[in-house]
Amino acid sequence: MDIGHISLLARLELTEEEKELFSKQVGNIIEYINKLNELDTSGVKPTAHILPVSNVFREDAVTGSLPLEKALQNAPEKDSSFYRVPKIIEET
């Protein structure tokens, strides 16, 4: 495994000791993956998640809106029934 090339692509500055260490670690990972590839998985169904996952939906229900006074009660600034915010558009 060419850790020097990978570190260059990742823009990492590694010492020679780090390159040697990471090269051994990546080699161990690849060796483990090769062991996993030896397993017979022909009877195993492909899965995206180890546990069954199902969405829990609720029925849409019309509810009342938040009263205007309550919605604006913590606004630092308000103008009638609107939030007042600083102008952010610069004129050119």
PDB file of N, CA and C in Angstrom:
ATOM      1  N   MET A   1       0.855  -1.178   0.000  1.00  0.00           N
ATOM      2  CA  MET A   1       0.000   0.000   0.000  1.00  0.00           C
ATOM      3  C   MET A   1       0.892   1.229   0.000  1.00  0.00           C
ATOM      4  N   ASP A   2       0.641   2.128  -0.934  1.00  0.00           N
ATOM      5  CA  ASP A   2       1.460   3.325  -1.061  1.00  0.00           C
ATOM      6  C   ASP A   2       0.860   4.452  -0.227  1.00  0.00           C
ATOM      7  N   ILE A   3       1.200   4.467   1.032  1.00  0.00           N
ATOM      8  CA  ILE A   3       0.669   5.476   1.958  1.00  0.00           C
ATOM      9  C   ILE A   3       1.161   6.870   1.581  1.00  0.00           C
ATOM     10  N   GLY A   4       2.351   6.953   1.021  1.00  0.00           N
ATOM     11  CA  GLY A   4       2.873   8.252   0.594  1.00  0.00           C
ATOM     12  C   GLY A   4       1.972   8.904  -0.441  1.00  0.00           C
ATOM     13  N   HIS A   5       1.500   8.115  -1.396  1.00  0.00           N
ATOM     14  CA  HIS A   5       0.612   8.640  -2.434  1.00  0.00           C
ATOM     15  C   HIS A   5      -0.738   9.037  -1.837  1.00  0.00           C
ATOM     16  N   ILE A   6      -1.260   8.193  -0.959  1.00  0.00           N
ATOM     17  CA  ILE A   6      -2.547   8.491  -0.316  1.00  0.00           C
ATOM     18  C   ILE A   6      -2.441   9.751   0.538  1.00  0.00           C
ATOM     19  N   SER A   7      -1.359   9.886   1.274  1.00  0.00           N
ATOM     20  CA  SER A   7      -1.203  11.080   2.115  1.00  0.00           C
ATOM     21  C   SER A   7      -1.063  12.333   1.263  1.00  0.00           C
ATOM     22  N   LEU A   8      -0.442  12.186   0.086  1.00  0.00           N
ATOM     23  CA  LEU A   8      -0.337  13.325  -0.826  1.00  0.00           C
ATOM     24  C   LEU A   8      -1.722  13.735  -1.324  1.00  0.00           C
ATOM     25  N   LEU A   9      -2.545  12.745  -1.700  1.00  0.00           N
ATOM     26  CA  LEU A   9      -3.897  13.045  -2.168  1.00  0.00           C
ATOM     27  C   LEU A   9      -4.746  13.676  -1.063  1.00  0.00           C
ATOM     28  N   ALA A  10      -4.515  13.247   0.186  1.00  0.00           N
ATOM     29  CA  ALA A  10      -5.281  13.766   1.318  1.00  0.00           C
ATOM     30  C   ALA A  10      -4.664  15.036   1.890  1.00  0.00           C
ATOM     31  N   ARG A  11      -3.584  15.473   1.304  1.00  0.00           N
ATOM     32  CA  ARG A  11      -2.868  16.679   1.758  1.00  0.00           C
ATOM     33  C   ARG A  11      -2.417  16.548   3.212  1.00  0.00           C
ATOM     34  N   LEU A  12      -1.864  15.370   3.547  1.00  0.00           N
ATOM     35  CA  LEU A  12      -1.351  15.119   4.887  1.00  0.00           C
ATOM     36  C   LEU A  12       0.163  15.034   4.836  1.00  0.00           C
ATOM     37  N   GLU A  13       0.794  15.662   5.783  1.00  0.00           N
ATOM     38  CA  GLU A  13       2.250  15.549   5.895  1.00  0.00           C
ATOM     39  C   GLU A  13       2.534  14.489   6.944  1.00  0.00           C
ATOM     40  N   LEU A  14       3.117  13.369   6.498  1.00  0.00           N
ATOM     41  CA  LEU A  14       3.403  12.268   7.406  1.00  0.00           C
ATOM     42  C   LEU A  14       4.902  12.055   7.505  1.00  0.00           C
ATOM     43  N   THR A  15       5.329  11.695   8.694  1.00  0.00           N
ATOM     44  CA  THR A  15       6.735  11.322   8.870  1.00  0.00           C
ATOM     45  C   THR A  15       6.924   9.914   8.328  1.00  0.00           C
ATOM     46  N   GLU A  16       8.162   9.501   8.159  1.00  0.00           N
ATOM     47  CA  GLU A  16       8.443   8.142   7.688  1.00  0.00           C
ATOM     48  C   GLU A  16       7.902   7.108   8.665  1.00  0.00           C
ATOM     49  N   GLU A  17       7.995   7.393   9.968  1.00  0.00           N
ATOM     50  CA  GLU A  17       7.481   6.469  10.978  1.00  0.00           C
ATOM     51  C   GLU A  17       5.956   6.325  10.846  1.00  0.00           C
ATOM     52  N   GLU A  18       5.262   7.447  10.622  1.00  0.00           N
ATOM     53  CA  GLU A  18       3.815   7.408  10.458  1.00  0.00           C
ATOM     54  C   GLU A  18       3.423   6.640   9.193  1.00  0.00           C
ATOM     55  N   LYS A  19       4.178   6.864   8.112  1.00  0.00           N
ATOM     56  CA  LYS A  19       3.896   6.144   6.871  1.00  0.00           C
ATOM     57  C   LYS A  19       4.036   4.644   7.079  1.00  0.00           C
ATOM     58  N   GLU A  20       5.070   4.244   7.782  1.00  0.00           N
ATOM     59  CA  GLU A  20       5.297   2.822   8.045  1.00  0.00           C
ATOM     60  C   GLU A  20       4.174   2.252   8.913  1.00  0.00           C
ATOM     61  N   LEU A  21       3.801   2.979   9.966  1.00  0.00           N
ATOM     62  CA  LEU A  21       2.735   2.533  10.862  1.00  0.00           C
ATOM     63  C   LEU A  21       1.405   2.408  10.116  1.00  0.00           C
ATOM     64  N   PHE A  22       1.044   3.439   9.352  1.00  0.00           N
ATOM     65  CA  PHE A  22      -0.225   3.428   8.635  1.00  0.00           C
ATOM     66  C   PHE A  22      -0.236   2.364   7.543  1.00  0.00           C
ATOM     67  N   SER A  23       0.906   2.142   6.925  1.00  0.00           N
ATOM     68  CA  SER A  23       0.996   1.106   5.903  1.00  0.00           C
ATOM     69  C   SER A  23       0.700  -0.261   6.508  1.00  0.00           C
ATOM     70  N   LYS A  24       1.239  -0.535   7.681  1.00  0.00           N
ATOM     71  CA  LYS A  24       0.962  -1.800   8.373  1.00  0.00           C
ATOM     72  C   LYS A  24      -0.516  -1.893   8.754  1.00  0.00           C
ATOM     73  N   GLN A  25      -1.081  -0.796   9.250  1.00  0.00           N
ATOM     74  CA  GLN A  25      -2.482  -0.803   9.672  1.00  0.00           C
ATOM     75  C   GLN A  25      -3.422  -1.031   8.480  1.00  0.00           C
ATOM     76  N   VAL A  26      -3.164  -0.362   7.374  1.00  0.00           N
ATOM     77  CA  VAL A  26      -3.998  -0.548   6.190  1.00  0.00           C
ATOM     78  C   VAL A  26      -3.830  -1.964   5.658  1.00  0.00           C
ATOM     79  N   GLY A  27      -2.621  -2.483   5.705  1.00  0.00           N
ATOM     80  CA  GLY A  27      -2.376  -3.865   5.298  1.00  0.00           C
ATOM     81  C   GLY A  27      -3.168  -4.839   6.148  1.00  0.00           C
ATOM     82  N   ASN A  28      -3.229  -4.605   7.457  1.00  0.00           N
ATOM     83  CA  ASN A  28      -4.019  -5.466   8.349  1.00  0.00           C
ATOM     84  C   ASN A  28      -5.510  -5.390   8.028  1.00  0.00           C
ATOM     85  N   ILE A  29      -5.989  -4.207   7.705  1.00  0.00           N
ATOM     86  CA  ILE A  29      -7.401  -4.028   7.355  1.00  0.00           C
ATOM     87  C   ILE A  29      -7.713  -4.796   6.072  1.00  0.00           C
ATOM     88  N   ILE A  30      -6.859  -4.675   5.075  1.00  0.00           N
ATOM     89  CA  ILE A  30      -7.078  -5.370   3.804  1.00  0.00           C
ATOM     90  C   ILE A  30      -7.017  -6.882   4.010  1.00  0.00           C
ATOM     91  N   GLU A  31      -6.108  -7.331   4.836  1.00  0.00           N
ATOM     92  CA  GLU A  31      -6.004  -8.762   5.145  1.00  0.00           C
ATOM     93  C   GLU A  31      -7.300  -9.257   5.795  1.00  0.00           C
ATOM     94  N   TYR A  32      -7.867  -8.492   6.706  1.00  0.00           N
ATOM     95  CA  TYR A  32      -9.119  -8.868   7.366  1.00  0.00           C
ATOM     96  C   TYR A  32     -10.266  -8.900   6.368  1.00  0.00           C
ATOM     97  N   ILE A  33     -10.314  -7.917   5.472  1.00  0.00           N
ATOM     98  CA  ILE A  33     -11.359  -7.883   4.444  1.00  0.00           C
ATOM     99  C   ILE A  33     -11.248  -9.116   3.548  1.00  0.00           C
ATOM    100  N   ASN A  34     -10.033  -9.504   3.202  1.00  0.00           N
ATOM    101  CA  ASN A  34      -9.846 -10.696   2.381  1.00  0.00           C
ATOM    102  C   ASN A  34     -10.333 -11.944   3.104  1.00  0.00           C
ATOM    103  N   LYS A  35     -10.153 -12.002   4.427  1.00  0.00           N
ATOM    104  CA  LYS A  35     -10.689 -13.132   5.198  1.00  0.00           C
ATOM    105  C   LYS A  35     -12.213 -13.139   5.133  1.00  0.00           C
ATOM    106  N   LEU A  36     -12.831 -11.967   5.241  1.00  0.00           N
ATOM    107  CA  LEU A  36     -14.290 -11.876   5.152  1.00  0.00           C
ATOM    108  C   LEU A  36     -14.787 -12.303   3.772  1.00  0.00           C
ATOM    109  N   ASN A  37     -14.010 -12.008   2.730  1.00  0.00           N
ATOM    110  CA  ASN A  37     -14.405 -12.382   1.371  1.00  0.00           C
ATOM    111  C   ASN A  37     -14.395 -13.895   1.173  1.00  0.00           C
ATOM    112  N   GLU A  38     -13.726 -14.629   2.035  1.00  0.00           N
ATOM    113  CA  GLU A  38     -13.687 -16.088   1.938  1.00  0.00           C
ATOM    114  C   GLU A  38     -14.979 -16.736   2.439  1.00  0.00           C
ATOM    115  N   LEU A  39     -15.784 -15.980   3.177  1.00  0.00           N
ATOM    116  CA  LEU A  39     -17.022 -16.530   3.724  1.00  0.00           C
ATOM    117  C   LEU A  39     -18.056 -16.771   2.631  1.00  0.00           C
ATOM    118  N   ASP A  40     -18.831 -17.851   2.792  1.00  0.00           N
ATOM    119  CA  ASP A  40     -19.920 -18.135   1.866  1.00  0.00           C
ATOM    120  C   ASP A  40     -21.152 -17.355   2.317  1.00  0.00           C
ATOM    121  N   THR A  41     -21.501 -16.350   1.558  1.00  0.00           N
ATOM    122  CA  THR A  41     -22.656 -15.515   1.899  1.00  0.00           C
ATOM    123  C   THR A  41     -23.771 -15.683   0.870  1.00  0.00           C
ATOM    124  N   SER A  42     -23.742 -16.771   0.119  1.00  0.00           N
ATOM    125  CA  SER A  42     -24.739 -16.967  -0.940  1.00  0.00           C
ATOM    126  C   SER A  42     -26.155 -17.089  -0.385  1.00  0.00           C
ATOM    127  N   GLY A  43     -26.320 -17.580   0.860  1.00  0.00           N
ATOM    128  CA  GLY A  43     -27.650 -17.722   1.438  1.00  0.00           C
ATOM    129  C   GLY A  43     -28.077 -16.534   2.279  1.00  0.00           C
ATOM    130  N   VAL A  44     -27.297 -15.485   2.288  1.00  0.00           N
ATOM    131  CA  VAL A  44     -27.598 -14.317   3.117  1.00  0.00           C
ATOM    132  C   VAL A  44     -28.207 -13.230   2.241  1.00  0.00           C
ATOM    133  N   LYS A  45     -29.376 -12.764   2.648  1.00  0.00           N
ATOM    134  CA  LYS A  45     -30.042 -11.703   1.893  1.00  0.00           C
ATOM    135  C   LYS A  45     -29.316 -10.373   2.109  1.00  0.00           C
ATOM    136  N   PRO A  46     -29.183  -9.585   1.050  1.00  0.00           N
ATOM    137  CA  PRO A  46     -28.565  -8.258   1.214  1.00  0.00           C
ATOM    138  C   PRO A  46     -29.446  -7.373   2.103  1.00  0.00           C
ATOM    139  N   THR A  47     -28.825  -6.607   2.951  1.00  0.00           N
ATOM    140  CA  THR A  47     -29.574  -5.718   3.834  1.00  0.00           C
ATOM    141  C   THR A  47     -28.943  -4.336   3.839  1.00  0.00           C
ATOM    142  N   ALA A  48     -29.765  -3.354   4.137  1.00  0.00           N
ATOM    143  CA  ALA A  48     -29.266  -1.991   4.294  1.00  0.00           C
ATOM    144  C   ALA A  48     -29.136  -1.654   5.768  1.00  0.00           C
ATOM    145  N   HIS A  49     -29.816  -2.437   6.615  1.00  0.00           N
ATOM    146  CA  HIS A  49     -29.795  -2.184   8.048  1.00  0.00           C
ATOM    147  C   HIS A  49     -29.918  -3.515   8.764  1.00  0.00           C
ATOM    148  N   ILE A  50     -29.221  -3.661   9.868  1.00  0.00           N
ATOM    149  CA  ILE A  50     -29.218  -4.941  10.569  1.00  0.00           C
ATOM    150  C   ILE A  50     -30.559  -5.254  11.238  1.00  0.00           C
ATOM    151  N   LEU A  51     -31.281  -4.228  11.643  1.00  0.00           N
ATOM    152  CA  LEU A  51     -32.588  -4.402  12.278  1.00  0.00           C
ATOM    153  C   LEU A  51     -33.687  -3.949  11.330  1.00  0.00           C
ATOM    154  N   PRO A  52     -34.875  -4.542  11.439  1.00  0.00           N
ATOM    155  CA  PRO A  52     -35.959  -4.059  10.579  1.00  0.00           C
ATOM    156  C   PRO A  52     -36.314  -2.610  10.927  1.00  0.00           C
ATOM    157  N   VAL A  53     -36.432  -1.801   9.916  1.00  0.00           N
ATOM    158  CA  VAL A  53     -36.723  -0.383  10.124  1.00  0.00           C
ATOM    159  C   VAL A  53     -38.036  -0.062   9.431  1.00  0.00           C
ATOM    160  N   SER A  54     -38.910   0.627  10.151  1.00  0.00           N
ATOM    161  CA  SER A  54     -40.151   1.079   9.529  1.00  0.00           C
ATOM    162  C   SER A  54     -40.441   2.490  10.017  1.00  0.00           C
ATOM    163  N   ASN A  55     -40.968   3.293   9.112  1.00  0.00           N
ATOM    164  CA  ASN A  55     -41.301   4.665   9.469  1.00  0.00           C
ATOM    165  C   ASN A  55     -42.607   4.693  10.251  1.00  0.00           C
ATOM    166  N   VAL A  56     -42.668   5.556  11.209  1.00  0.00           N
ATOM    167  CA  VAL A  56     -43.884   5.732  11.983  1.00  0.00           C
ATOM    168  C   VAL A  56     -44.493   7.061  11.548  1.00  0.00           C
ATOM    169  N   PHE A  57     -45.630   6.954  10.906  1.00  0.00           N
ATOM    170  CA  PHE A  57     -46.304   8.154  10.428  1.00  0.00           C
ATOM    171  C   PHE A  57     -47.549   8.413  11.263  1.00  0.00           C
ATOM    172  N   ARG A  58     -47.918   9.648  11.344  1.00  0.00           N
ATOM    173  CA  ARG A  58     -49.163  10.003  12.015  1.00  0.00           C
ATOM    174  C   ARG A  58     -50.090  10.594  10.975  1.00  0.00           C
ATOM    175  N   GLU A  59     -51.340  10.551  11.273  1.00  0.00           N
ATOM    176  CA  GLU A  59     -52.315  11.154  10.375  1.00  0.00           C
ATOM    177  C   GLU A  59     -52.148  12.672  10.414  1.00  0.00           C
ATOM    178  N   ASP A  60     -52.279  13.300   9.262  1.00  0.00           N
ATOM    179  CA  ASP A  60     -52.272  14.753   9.224  1.00  0.00           C
ATOM    180  C   ASP A  60     -53.566  15.254   9.849  1.00  0.00           C
ATOM    181  N   ALA A  61     -53.417  16.199  10.737  1.00  0.00           N
ATOM    182  CA  ALA A  61     -54.603  16.752  11.388  1.00  0.00           C
ATOM    183  C   ALA A  61     -54.468  18.274  11.423  1.00  0.00           C
ATOM    184  N   VAL A  62     -55.549  18.935  11.118  1.00  0.00           N
ATOM    185  CA  VAL A  62     -55.562  20.390  11.157  1.00  0.00           C
ATOM    186  C   VAL A  62     -55.647  20.815  12.613  1.00  0.00           C
ATOM    187  N   THR A  63     -54.749  21.664  13.025  1.00  0.00           N
ATOM    188  CA  THR A  63     -54.770  22.183  14.402  1.00  0.00           C
ATOM    189  C   THR A  63     -54.728  23.704  14.342  1.00  0.00           C
ATOM    190  N   GLY A  64     -54.984  24.298  15.457  1.00  0.00           N
ATOM    191  CA  GLY A  64     -54.981  25.752  15.528  1.00  0.00           C
ATOM    192  C   GLY A  64     -53.576  26.323  15.425  1.00  0.00           C
ATOM    193  N   SER A  65     -53.493  27.546  14.942  1.00  0.00           N
ATOM    194  CA  SER A  65     -52.209  28.232  14.831  1.00  0.00           C
ATOM    195  C   SER A  65     -51.813  28.825  16.178  1.00  0.00           C
ATOM    196  N   LEU A  66     -50.567  29.164  16.283  1.00  0.00           N
ATOM    197  CA  LEU A  66     -50.054  29.850  17.461  1.00  0.00           C
ATOM    198  C   LEU A  66     -50.611  31.270  17.454  1.00  0.00           C
ATOM    199  N   PRO A  67     -51.157  31.740  18.563  1.00  0.00           N
ATOM    200  CA  PRO A  67     -51.674  33.114  18.591  1.00  0.00           C
ATOM    201  C   PRO A  67     -50.567  34.122  18.273  1.00  0.00           C
ATOM    202  N   LEU A  68     -50.900  35.174  17.560  1.00  0.00           N
ATOM    203  CA  LEU A  68     -49.929  36.175  17.120  1.00  0.00           C
ATOM    204  C   LEU A  68     -49.151  36.753  18.299  1.00  0.00           C
ATOM    205  N   GLU A  69     -49.834  37.066  19.383  1.00  0.00           N
ATOM    206  CA  GLU A  69     -49.157  37.654  20.547  1.00  0.00           C
ATOM    207  C   GLU A  69     -48.099  36.700  21.108  1.00  0.00           C
ATOM    208  N   LYS A  70     -48.436  35.419  21.160  1.00  0.00           N
ATOM    209  CA  LYS A  70     -47.494  34.432  21.693  1.00  0.00           C
ATOM    210  C   LYS A  70     -46.310  34.256  20.744  1.00  0.00           C
ATOM    211  N   ALA A  71     -46.576  34.275  19.439  1.00  0.00           N
ATOM    212  CA  ALA A  71     -45.508  34.109  18.456  1.00  0.00           C
ATOM    213  C   ALA A  71     -44.521  35.270  18.511  1.00  0.00           C
ATOM    214  N   LEU A  72     -45.006  36.469  18.808  1.00  0.00           N
ATOM    215  CA  LEU A  72     -44.145  37.656  18.817  1.00  0.00           C
ATOM    216  C   LEU A  72     -43.635  38.032  20.208  1.00  0.00           C
ATOM    217  N   GLN A  73     -43.999  37.282  21.235  1.00  0.00           N
ATOM    218  CA  GLN A  73     -43.681  37.712  22.596  1.00  0.00           C
ATOM    219  C   GLN A  73     -42.178  37.794  22.872  1.00  0.00           C
ATOM    220  N   ASN A  74     -41.361  36.979  22.238  1.00  0.00           N
ATOM    221  CA  ASN A  74     -39.914  37.010  22.489  1.00  0.00           C
ATOM    222  C   ASN A  74     -39.137  37.711  21.386  1.00  0.00           C
ATOM    223  N   ALA A  75     -39.826  38.322  20.448  1.00  0.00           N
ATOM    224  CA  ALA A  75     -39.143  39.013  19.354  1.00  0.00           C
ATOM    225  C   ALA A  75     -38.415  40.232  19.905  1.00  0.00           C
ATOM    226  N   PRO A  76     -37.130  40.392  19.584  1.00  0.00           N
ATOM    227  CA  PRO A  76     -36.402  41.573  20.064  1.00  0.00           C
ATOM    228  C   PRO A  76     -37.021  42.866  19.547  1.00  0.00           C
ATOM    229  N   GLU A  77     -37.482  42.827  18.291  1.00  0.00           N
ATOM    230  CA  GLU A  77     -38.156  43.991  17.724  1.00  0.00           C
ATOM    231  C   GLU A  77     -39.331  43.504  16.888  1.00  0.00           C
ATOM    232  N   LYS A  78     -40.434  44.235  16.949  1.00  0.00           N
ATOM    233  CA  LYS A  78     -41.593  43.882  16.128  1.00  0.00           C
ATOM    234  C   LYS A  78     -42.225  45.161  15.603  1.00  0.00           C
ATOM    235  N   ASP A  79     -42.927  45.017  14.504  1.00  0.00           N
ATOM    236  CA  ASP A  79     -43.613  46.137  13.877  1.00  0.00           C
ATOM    237  C   ASP A  79     -45.013  45.639  13.546  1.00  0.00           C
ATOM    238  N   SER A  80     -45.976  46.060  14.333  1.00  0.00           N
ATOM    239  CA  SER A  80     -47.359  45.621  14.192  1.00  0.00           C
ATOM    240  C   SER A  80     -47.414  44.112  14.377  1.00  0.00           C
ATOM    241  N   SER A  81     -47.715  43.366  13.340  1.00  0.00           N
ATOM    242  CA  SER A  81     -47.820  41.908  13.485  1.00  0.00           C
ATOM    243  C   SER A  81     -46.678  41.188  12.762  1.00  0.00           C
ATOM    244  N   PHE A  82     -45.516  41.866  12.646  1.00  0.00           N
ATOM    245  CA  PHE A  82     -44.376  41.296  11.939  1.00  0.00           C
ATOM    246  C   PHE A  82     -43.119  41.334  12.811  1.00  0.00           C
ATOM    247  N   TYR A  83     -42.198  40.419  12.538  1.00  0.00           N
ATOM    248  CA  TYR A  83     -40.865  40.489  13.146  1.00  0.00           C
ATOM    249  C   TYR A  83     -40.106  41.590  12.423  1.00  0.00           C
ATOM    250  N   ARG A  84     -39.390  42.391  13.164  1.00  0.00           N
ATOM    251  CA  ARG A  84     -38.556  43.429  12.565  1.00  0.00           C
ATOM    252  C   ARG A  84     -37.117  42.930  12.606  1.00  0.00           C
ATOM    253  N   VAL A  85     -36.474  42.909  11.442  1.00  0.00           N
ATOM    254  CA  VAL A  85     -35.102  42.403  11.335  1.00  0.00           C
ATOM    255  C   VAL A  85     -34.238  43.465  10.676  1.00  0.00           C
ATOM    256  N   PRO A  86     -32.929  43.396  10.902  1.00  0.00           N
ATOM    257  CA  PRO A  86     -32.040  44.381  10.277  1.00  0.00           C
ATOM    258  C   PRO A  86     -32.032  44.227   8.756  1.00  0.00           C
ATOM    259  N   LYS A  87     -31.883  45.320   8.077  1.00  0.00           N
ATOM    260  CA  LYS A  87     -31.791  45.307   6.622  1.00  0.00           C
ATOM    261  C   LYS A  87     -30.437  44.712   6.238  1.00  0.00           C
ATOM    262  N   ILE A  88     -30.453  43.749   5.309  1.00  0.00           N
ATOM    263  CA  ILE A  88     -29.187  43.112   4.942  1.00  0.00           C
ATOM    264  C   ILE A  88     -28.862  43.310   3.464  1.00  0.00           C
ATOM    265  N   ILE A  89     -29.729  43.928   2.728  1.00  0.00           N
ATOM    266  CA  ILE A  89     -29.494  44.148   1.306  1.00  0.00           C
ATOM    267  C   ILE A  89     -28.849  45.519   1.140  1.00  0.00           C
ATOM    268  N   GLU A  90     -27.690  45.536   0.514  1.00  0.00           N
ATOM    269  CA  GLU A  90     -27.008  46.804   0.275  1.00  0.00           C
ATOM    270  C   GLU A  90     -27.425  47.361  -1.071  1.00  0.00           C
ATOM    271  N   GLU A  91     -27.609  48.643  -1.115  1.00  0.00           N
ATOM    272  CA  GLU A  91     -27.959  49.289  -2.377  1.00  0.00           C
ATOM    273  C   GLU A  91     -26.679  49.665  -3.090  1.00  0.00           C
ATOM    274  N   THR A  92     -26.665  49.410  -4.399  1.00  0.00           N
ATOM    275  CA  THR A  92     -25.462  49.733  -5.188  1.00  0.00           C
ATOM    276  C   THR A  92     -25.704  50.852  -6.132  1.00  0.00           C
TER     277      THR A  92
END
